[in-house]
């Protein structure tokens, strides 16, 4: 059974330790995206594609070691790792 976009986002938020507002702003420039989806908003195809692309890119960057989860930080949900962090 296909999971809804909201279910996939919820899994991503737990995986990345990213606050919902930071996710919405980074993925589709809408900090209320997750709360609106939780409230019953039906996303359009463009929103679905942009959120999926953001989550896939973040996971690929994490797998490659370019980003790491930062916990519940409101200003930045992740930071880019530098050469000094790759030990």
PDB file of N, CA and C in Angstrom:
ATOM      1  N   UNK A   1       0.834  -1.176   0.000  1.00  0.00           N
ATOM      2  CA  UNK A   1       0.000   0.000   0.000  1.00  0.00           C
ATOM      3  C   UNK A   1       0.886   1.250   0.000  1.00  0.00           C
ATOM      4  N   UNK A   2       0.584   2.169  -0.870  1.00  0.00           N
ATOM      5  CA  UNK A   2       1.341   3.406  -1.013  1.00  0.00           C
ATOM      6  C   UNK A   2       1.141   4.305   0.200  1.00  0.00           C
ATOM      7  N   UNK A   3       2.247   4.776   0.758  1.00  0.00           N
ATOM      8  CA  UNK A   3       2.144   5.706   1.879  1.00  0.00           C
ATOM      9  C   UNK A   3       1.874   7.110   1.353  1.00  0.00           C
ATOM     10  N   UNK A   4       1.152   7.893   2.116  1.00  0.00           N
ATOM     11  CA  UNK A   4       0.841   9.254   1.701  1.00  0.00           C
ATOM     12  C   UNK A   4       2.088  10.130   1.819  1.00  0.00           C
ATOM     13  N   UNK A   5       2.024  11.283   1.194  1.00  0.00           N
ATOM     14  CA  UNK A   5       3.133  12.224   1.269  1.00  0.00           C
ATOM     15  C   UNK A   5       3.401  12.600   2.729  1.00  0.00           C
ATOM     16  N   UNK A   6       2.353  12.838   3.484  1.00  0.00           N
ATOM     17  CA  UNK A   6       2.525  13.208   4.890  1.00  0.00           C
ATOM     18  C   UNK A   6       3.236  12.105   5.669  1.00  0.00           C
ATOM     19  N   UNK A   7       2.888  10.855   5.430  1.00  0.00           N
ATOM     20  CA  UNK A   7       3.554   9.755   6.123  1.00  0.00           C
ATOM     21  C   UNK A   7       5.033   9.694   5.761  1.00  0.00           C
ATOM     22  N   UNK A   8       5.358   9.907   4.489  1.00  0.00           N
ATOM     23  CA  UNK A   8       6.762   9.899   4.068  1.00  0.00           C
ATOM     24  C   UNK A   8       7.522  11.076   4.680  1.00  0.00           C
ATOM     25  N   UNK A   9       6.866  12.225   4.789  1.00  0.00           N
ATOM     26  CA  UNK A   9       7.506  13.389   5.410  1.00  0.00           C
ATOM     27  C   UNK A   9       7.737  13.130   6.894  1.00  0.00           C
ATOM     28  N   UNK A  10       6.767  12.542   7.578  1.00  0.00           N
ATOM     29  CA  UNK A  10       6.918  12.253   9.013  1.00  0.00           C
ATOM     30  C   UNK A  10       8.116  11.329   9.253  1.00  0.00           C
ATOM     31  N   UNK A  11       8.283  10.315   8.421  1.00  0.00           N
ATOM     32  CA  UNK A  11       9.429   9.407   8.540  1.00  0.00           C
ATOM     33  C   UNK A  11      10.723  10.189   8.315  1.00  0.00           C
ATOM     34  N   UNK A  12      10.725  11.063   7.307  1.00  0.00           N
ATOM     35  CA  UNK A  12      11.913  11.862   7.016  1.00  0.00           C
ATOM     36  C   UNK A  12      12.252  12.792   8.176  1.00  0.00           C
ATOM     37  N   UNK A  13      11.244  13.412   8.784  1.00  0.00           N
ATOM     38  CA  UNK A  13      11.487  14.331   9.898  1.00  0.00           C
ATOM     39  C   UNK A  13      12.146  13.609  11.068  1.00  0.00           C
ATOM     40  N   UNK A  14      11.715  12.388  11.346  1.00  0.00           N
ATOM     41  CA  UNK A  14      12.340  11.612  12.422  1.00  0.00           C
ATOM     42  C   UNK A  14      13.770  11.219  12.042  1.00  0.00           C
ATOM     43  N   UNK A  15      13.943  10.816  10.801  1.00  0.00           N
ATOM     44  CA  UNK A  15      15.263  10.386  10.323  1.00  0.00           C
ATOM     45  C   UNK A  15      16.269  11.541  10.353  1.00  0.00           C
ATOM     46  N   UNK A  16      15.832  12.713   9.972  1.00  0.00           N
ATOM     47  CA  UNK A  16      16.745  13.848   9.834  1.00  0.00           C
ATOM     48  C   UNK A  16      16.796  14.738  11.069  1.00  0.00           C
ATOM     49  N   UNK A  17      15.893  14.538  12.015  1.00  0.00           N
ATOM     50  CA  UNK A  17      15.776  15.408  13.195  1.00  0.00           C
ATOM     51  C   UNK A  17      15.533  16.856  12.796  1.00  0.00           C
ATOM     52  N   UNK A  18      14.811  17.035  11.709  1.00  0.00           N
ATOM     53  CA  UNK A  18      14.547  18.361  11.176  1.00  0.00           C
ATOM     54  C   UNK A  18      13.174  18.836  11.646  1.00  0.00           C
ATOM     55  N   UNK A  19      13.075  20.051  12.164  1.00  0.00           N
ATOM     56  CA  UNK A  19      11.769  20.581  12.549  1.00  0.00           C
ATOM     57  C   UNK A  19      10.862  20.742  11.324  1.00  0.00           C
ATOM     58  N   UNK A  20       9.557  20.573  11.476  1.00  0.00           N
ATOM     59  CA  UNK A  20       8.638  20.664  10.342  1.00  0.00           C
ATOM     60  C   UNK A  20       8.693  21.994   9.598  1.00  0.00           C
ATOM     61  N   UNK A  21       8.829  23.092  10.322  1.00  0.00           N
ATOM     62  CA  UNK A  21       8.852  24.393   9.651  1.00  0.00           C
ATOM     63  C   UNK A  21      10.118  24.570   8.817  1.00  0.00           C
ATOM     64  N   UNK A  22      11.229  24.052   9.306  1.00  0.00           N
ATOM     65  CA  UNK A  22      12.485  24.142   8.553  1.00  0.00           C
ATOM     66  C   UNK A  22      12.392  23.272   7.300  1.00  0.00           C
ATOM     67  N   UNK A  23      11.794  22.090   7.452  1.00  0.00           N
ATOM     68  CA  UNK A  23      11.606  21.215   6.292  1.00  0.00           C
ATOM     69  C   UNK A  23      10.765  21.903   5.219  1.00  0.00           C
ATOM     70  N   UNK A  24       9.623  22.450   5.608  1.00  0.00           N
ATOM     71  CA  UNK A  24       8.740  23.103   4.645  1.00  0.00           C
ATOM     72  C   UNK A  24       9.407  24.262   3.935  1.00  0.00           C
ATOM     73  N   UNK A  25      10.145  25.055   4.700  1.00  0.00           N
ATOM     74  CA  UNK A  25      10.832  26.201   4.102  1.00  0.00           C
ATOM     75  C   UNK A  25      11.917  25.737   3.131  1.00  0.00           C
ATOM     76  N   UNK A  26      12.667  24.715   3.505  1.00  0.00           N
ATOM     77  CA  UNK A  26      13.761  24.232   2.650  1.00  0.00           C
ATOM     78  C   UNK A  26      13.242  23.513   1.415  1.00  0.00           C
ATOM     79  N   UNK A  27      12.156  22.763   1.566  1.00  0.00           N
ATOM     80  CA  UNK A  27      11.659  21.953   0.444  1.00  0.00           C
ATOM     81  C   UNK A  27      10.841  22.764  -0.551  1.00  0.00           C
ATOM     82  N   UNK A  28       9.908  23.574  -0.057  1.00  0.00           N
ATOM     83  CA  UNK A  28       8.989  24.272  -0.971  1.00  0.00           C
ATOM     84  C   UNK A  28       8.771  25.737  -0.605  1.00  0.00           C
ATOM     85  N   UNK A  29       9.646  26.296   0.233  1.00  0.00           N
ATOM     86  CA  UNK A  29       9.541  27.701   0.651  1.00  0.00           C
ATOM     87  C   UNK A  29       8.210  28.000   1.338  1.00  0.00           C
ATOM     88  N   UNK A  30       7.709  27.033   2.122  1.00  0.00           N
ATOM     89  CA  UNK A  30       6.446  27.188   2.845  1.00  0.00           C
ATOM     90  C   UNK A  30       6.611  26.587   4.239  1.00  0.00           C
ATOM     91  N   UNK A  31       6.886  27.425   5.253  1.00  0.00           N
ATOM     92  CA  UNK A  31       7.111  26.869   6.589  1.00  0.00           C
ATOM     93  C   UNK A  31       5.878  26.204   7.200  1.00  0.00           C
ATOM     94  N   UNK A  32       4.691  26.433   6.675  1.00  0.00           N
ATOM     95  CA  UNK A  32       3.471  25.830   7.205  1.00  0.00           C
ATOM     96  C   UNK A  32       3.067  24.554   6.457  1.00  0.00           C
ATOM     97  N   UNK A  33       3.891  24.088   5.560  1.00  0.00           N
ATOM     98  CA  UNK A  33       3.545  22.925   4.735  1.00  0.00           C
ATOM     99  C   UNK A  33       3.124  21.729   5.577  1.00  0.00           C
ATOM    100  N   UNK A  34       3.950  21.322   6.524  1.00  0.00           N
ATOM    101  CA  UNK A  34       3.670  20.105   7.302  1.00  0.00           C
ATOM    102  C   UNK A  34       2.426  20.293   8.161  1.00  0.00           C
ATOM    103  N   UNK A  35       2.296  21.445   8.809  1.00  0.00           N
ATOM    104  CA  UNK A  35       1.104  21.655   9.633  1.00  0.00           C
ATOM    105  C   UNK A  35      -0.155  21.716   8.777  1.00  0.00           C
ATOM    106  N   UNK A  36      -0.060  22.275   7.579  1.00  0.00           N
ATOM    107  CA  UNK A  36      -1.218  22.286   6.679  1.00  0.00           C
ATOM    108  C   UNK A  36      -1.572  20.881   6.206  1.00  0.00           C
ATOM    109  N   UNK A  37      -0.564  20.071   5.901  1.00  0.00           N
ATOM    110  CA  UNK A  37      -0.817  18.686   5.490  1.00  0.00           C
ATOM    111  C   UNK A  37      -1.452  17.901   6.636  1.00  0.00           C
ATOM    112  N   UNK A  38      -0.978  18.145   7.850  1.00  0.00           N
ATOM    113  CA  UNK A  38      -1.562  17.482   9.013  1.00  0.00           C
ATOM    114  C   UNK A  38      -3.018  17.910   9.207  1.00  0.00           C
ATOM    115  N   UNK A  39      -3.323  19.132   8.770  1.00  0.00           N
ATOM    116  CA  UNK A  39      -4.685  19.643   8.896  1.00  0.00           C
ATOM    117  C   UNK A  39      -5.593  19.280   7.738  1.00  0.00           C
ATOM    118  N   UNK A  40      -5.097  18.533   6.763  1.00  0.00           N
ATOM    119  CA  UNK A  40      -5.937  18.062   5.680  1.00  0.00           C
ATOM    120  C   UNK A  40      -5.673  18.670   4.319  1.00  0.00           C
ATOM    121  N   UNK A  41      -4.664  19.499   4.186  1.00  0.00           N
ATOM    122  CA  UNK A  41      -4.339  20.094   2.880  1.00  0.00           C
ATOM    123  C   UNK A  41      -3.976  19.006   1.878  1.00  0.00           C
ATOM    124  N   UNK A  42      -4.493  19.125   0.687  1.00  0.00           N
ATOM    125  CA  UNK A  42      -4.158  18.198  -0.397  1.00  0.00           C
ATOM    126  C   UNK A  42      -3.060  18.824  -1.253  1.00  0.00           C
ATOM    127  N   UNK A  43      -1.874  18.220  -1.279  1.00  0.00           N
ATOM    128  CA  UNK A  43      -0.774  18.809  -2.052  1.00  0.00           C
ATOM    129  C   UNK A  43      -0.960  18.587  -3.551  1.00  0.00           C
ATOM    130  N   UNK A  44      -0.490  19.541  -4.324  1.00  0.00           N
ATOM    131  CA  UNK A  44      -0.498  19.400  -5.770  1.00  0.00           C
ATOM    132  C   UNK A  44       0.702  18.601  -6.234  1.00  0.00           C
ATOM    133  N   UNK A  45       0.719  18.288  -7.506  1.00  0.00           N
ATOM    134  CA  UNK A  45       1.806  17.493  -8.078  1.00  0.00           C
ATOM    135  C   UNK A  45       3.153  18.194  -7.924  1.00  0.00           C
ATOM    136  N   UNK A  46       3.174  19.510  -8.099  1.00  0.00           N
ATOM    137  CA  UNK A  46       4.419  20.266  -7.969  1.00  0.00           C
ATOM    138  C   UNK A  46       4.978  20.153  -6.554  1.00  0.00           C
ATOM    139  N   UNK A  47       4.142  20.283  -5.551  1.00  0.00           N
ATOM    140  CA  UNK A  47       4.576  20.183  -4.153  1.00  0.00           C
ATOM    141  C   UNK A  47       5.078  18.776  -3.858  1.00  0.00           C
ATOM    142  N   UNK A  48       4.382  17.784  -4.341  1.00  0.00           N
ATOM    143  CA  UNK A  48       4.801  16.397  -4.133  1.00  0.00           C
ATOM    144  C   UNK A  48       6.182  16.160  -4.746  1.00  0.00           C
ATOM    145  N   UNK A  49       6.376  16.600  -5.972  1.00  0.00           N
ATOM    146  CA  UNK A  49       7.656  16.400  -6.657  1.00  0.00           C
ATOM    147  C   UNK A  49       8.786  17.137  -5.954  1.00  0.00           C
ATOM    148  N   UNK A  50       8.542  18.381  -5.531  1.00  0.00           N
ATOM    149  CA  UNK A  50       9.582  19.168  -4.877  1.00  0.00           C
ATOM    150  C   UNK A  50       9.952  18.592  -3.516  1.00  0.00           C
ATOM    151  N   UNK A  51       8.970  18.114  -2.748  1.00  0.00           N
ATOM    152  CA  UNK A  51       9.292  17.534  -1.441  1.00  0.00           C
ATOM    153  C   UNK A  51      10.036  16.206  -1.598  1.00  0.00           C
ATOM    154  N   UNK A  52       9.595  15.378  -2.529  1.00  0.00           N
ATOM    155  CA  UNK A  52      10.289  14.103  -2.775  1.00  0.00           C
ATOM    156  C   UNK A  52      11.726  14.345  -3.217  1.00  0.00           C
ATOM    157  N   UNK A  53      11.915  15.319  -4.105  1.00  0.00           N
ATOM    158  CA  UNK A  53      13.264  15.647  -4.578  1.00  0.00           C
ATOM    159  C   UNK A  53      14.141  16.113  -3.418  1.00  0.00           C
ATOM    160  N   UNK A  54      13.600  16.976  -2.560  1.00  0.00           N
ATOM    161  CA  UNK A  54      14.363  17.472  -1.414  1.00  0.00           C
ATOM    162  C   UNK A  54      14.769  16.328  -0.495  1.00  0.00           C
ATOM    163  N   UNK A  55      13.829  15.437  -0.171  1.00  0.00           N
ATOM    164  CA  UNK A  55      14.140  14.322   0.731  1.00  0.00           C
ATOM    165  C   UNK A  55      15.167  13.379   0.108  1.00  0.00           C
ATOM    166  N   UNK A  56      15.014  13.077  -1.174  1.00  0.00           N
ATOM    167  CA  UNK A  56      15.967  12.185  -1.844  1.00  0.00           C
ATOM    168  C   UNK A  56      17.355  12.801  -1.911  1.00  0.00           C
ATOM    169  N   UNK A  57      17.428  14.101  -2.211  1.00  0.00           N
ATOM    170  CA  UNK A  57      18.720  14.782  -2.282  1.00  0.00           C
ATOM    171  C   UNK A  57      19.373  14.833  -0.907  1.00  0.00           C
ATOM    172  N   UNK A  58      18.596  15.114   0.145  1.00  0.00           N
ATOM    173  CA  UNK A  58      19.146  15.165   1.489  1.00  0.00           C
ATOM    174  C   UNK A  58      19.707  13.801   1.889  1.00  0.00           C
ATOM    175  N   UNK A  59      18.965  12.750   1.586  1.00  0.00           N
ATOM    176  CA  UNK A  59      19.437  11.395   1.920  1.00  0.00           C
ATOM    177  C   UNK A  59      20.703  11.042   1.152  1.00  0.00           C
ATOM    178  N   UNK A  60      20.768  11.425  -0.120  1.00  0.00           N
ATOM    179  CA  UNK A  60      21.971  11.158  -0.916  1.00  0.00           C
ATOM    180  C   UNK A  60      23.163  11.939  -0.362  1.00  0.00           C
ATOM    181  N   UNK A  61      22.940  13.201   0.006  1.00  0.00           N
ATOM    182  CA  UNK A  61      24.014  14.006   0.594  1.00  0.00           C
ATOM    183  C   UNK A  61      24.467  13.422   1.929  1.00  0.00           C
ATOM    184  N   UNK A  62      23.524  12.939   2.725  1.00  0.00           N
ATOM    185  CA  UNK A  62      23.887  12.340   4.014  1.00  0.00           C
ATOM    186  C   UNK A  62      24.689  11.066   3.795  1.00  0.00           C
ATOM    187  N   UNK A  63      24.252  10.254   2.848  1.00  0.00           N
ATOM    188  CA  UNK A  63      24.967   9.007   2.551  1.00  0.00           C
ATOM    189  C   UNK A  63      26.389   9.304   2.076  1.00  0.00           C
ATOM    190  N   UNK A  64      26.546  10.397   1.335  1.00  0.00           N
ATOM    191  CA  UNK A  64      27.866  10.781   0.827  1.00  0.00           C
ATOM    192  C   UNK A  64      28.697  11.512   1.882  1.00  0.00           C
ATOM    193  N   UNK A  65      28.084  11.810   3.047  1.00  0.00           N
ATOM    194  CA  UNK A  65      28.821  12.473   4.111  1.00  0.00           C
ATOM    195  C   UNK A  65      28.846  13.983   4.012  1.00  0.00           C
ATOM    196  N   UNK A  66      27.968  14.557   3.200  1.00  0.00           N
ATOM    197  CA  UNK A  66      27.962  16.013   3.028  1.00  0.00           C
ATOM    198  C   UNK A  66      27.061  16.738   4.025  1.00  0.00           C
ATOM    199  N   UNK A  67      26.106  16.056   4.638  1.00  0.00           N
ATOM    200  CA  UNK A  67      25.269  16.664   5.674  1.00  0.00           C
ATOM    201  C   UNK A  67      25.109  15.672   6.816  1.00  0.00           C
ATOM    202  N   UNK A  68      24.885  16.210   7.997  1.00  0.00           N
ATOM    203  CA  UNK A  68      24.631  15.381   9.166  1.00  0.00           C
ATOM    204  C   UNK A  68      23.440  15.959   9.910  1.00  0.00           C
ATOM    205  N   UNK A  69      22.613  15.131  10.537  1.00  0.00           N
ATOM    206  CA  UNK A  69      21.497  15.652  11.326  1.00  0.00           C
ATOM    207  C   UNK A  69      22.025  16.479  12.498  1.00  0.00           C
ATOM    208  N   UNK A  70      21.309  17.532  12.829  1.00  0.00           N
ATOM    209  CA  UNK A  70      21.739  18.415  13.897  1.00  0.00           C
ATOM    210  C   UNK A  70      20.766  18.478  15.055  1.00  0.00           C
ATOM    211  N   UNK A  71      19.759  17.654  15.082  1.00  0.00           N
ATOM    212  CA  UNK A  71      18.795  17.725  16.160  1.00  0.00           C
ATOM    213  C   UNK A  71      17.797  18.846  15.923  1.00  0.00           C
ATOM    214  N   UNK A  72      17.173  19.291  16.985  1.00  0.00           N
ATOM    215  CA  UNK A  72      16.110  20.272  16.886  1.00  0.00           C
ATOM    216  C   UNK A  72      16.660  21.691  16.970  1.00  0.00           C
ATOM    217  N   UNK A  73      17.312  22.135  15.934  1.00  0.00           N
ATOM    218  CA  UNK A  73      17.824  23.498  15.864  1.00  0.00           C
ATOM    219  C   UNK A  73      16.938  24.276  14.916  1.00  0.00           C
ATOM    220  N   UNK A  74      16.416  25.392  15.356  1.00  0.00           N
ATOM    221  CA  UNK A  74      15.455  26.148  14.560  1.00  0.00           C
ATOM    222  C   UNK A  74      16.099  26.894  13.397  1.00  0.00           C
ATOM    223  N   UNK A  75      17.321  27.335  13.550  1.00  0.00           N
ATOM    224  CA  UNK A  75      17.921  28.125  12.484  1.00  0.00           C
ATOM    225  C   UNK A  75      18.460  27.270  11.351  1.00  0.00           C
ATOM    226  N   UNK A  76      18.979  26.088  11.663  1.00  0.00           N
ATOM    227  CA  UNK A  76      19.523  25.211  10.630  1.00  0.00           C
ATOM    228  C   UNK A  76      19.247  23.772  11.024  1.00  0.00           C
ATOM    229  N   UNK A  77      18.649  23.011  10.141  1.00  0.00           N
ATOM    230  CA  UNK A  77      18.334  21.622  10.444  1.00  0.00           C
ATOM    231  C   UNK A  77      19.509  20.698  10.147  1.00  0.00           C
ATOM    232  N   UNK A  78      20.432  21.176   9.377  1.00  0.00           N
ATOM    233  CA  UNK A  78      21.598  20.379   9.061  1.00  0.00           C
ATOM    234  C   UNK A  78      22.736  21.324   8.746  1.00  0.00           C
ATOM    235  N   UNK A  79      23.941  20.816   8.819  1.00  0.00           N
ATOM    236  CA  UNK A  79      25.080  21.640   8.439  1.00  0.00           C
ATOM    237  C   UNK A  79      25.908  20.858   7.448  1.00  0.00           C
ATOM    238  N   UNK A  80      26.552  21.571   6.622  1.00  0.00           N
ATOM    239  CA  UNK A  80      27.465  20.949   5.674  1.00  0.00           C
ATOM    240  C   UNK A  80      28.732  20.578   6.416  1.00  0.00           C
ATOM    241  N   UNK A  81      29.230  19.412   6.155  1.00  0.00           N
ATOM    242  CA  UNK A  81      30.469  19.013   6.809  1.00  0.00           C
ATOM    243  C   UNK A  81      31.643  19.518   5.974  1.00  0.00           C
ATOM    244  N   UNK A  82      32.646  19.984   6.664  1.00  0.00           N
ATOM    245  CA  UNK A  82      33.842  20.458   5.989  1.00  0.00           C
ATOM    246  C   UNK A  82      34.917  19.396   6.002  1.00  0.00           C
ATOM    247  N   UNK A  83      36.040  19.707   5.408  1.00  0.00           N
ATOM    248  CA  UNK A  83      37.138  18.750   5.375  1.00  0.00           C
ATOM    249  C   UNK A  83      37.624  18.440   6.782  1.00  0.00           C
ATOM    250  N   UNK A  84      37.540  19.442   7.678  1.00  0.00           N
ATOM    251  CA  UNK A  84      37.988  19.216   9.041  1.00  0.00           C
ATOM    252  C   UNK A  84      37.088  18.241   9.788  1.00  0.00           C
ATOM    253  N   UNK A  85      35.832  18.102   9.374  1.00  0.00           N
ATOM    254  CA  UNK A  85      34.894  17.196  10.030  1.00  0.00           C
ATOM    255  C   UNK A  85      35.029  15.769   9.518  1.00  0.00           C
ATOM    256  N   UNK A  86      35.737  15.578   8.429  1.00  0.00           N
ATOM    257  CA  UNK A  86      35.896  14.221   7.847  1.00  0.00           C
ATOM    258  C   UNK A  86      37.183  13.611   8.359  1.00  0.00           C
ATOM    259  N   UNK A  87      37.112  13.020   9.498  1.00  0.00           N
ATOM    260  CA  UNK A  87      38.310  12.400  10.076  1.00  0.00           C
ATOM    261  C   UNK A  87      38.120  10.909  10.105  1.00  0.00           C
TER     262      UNK A  87
END
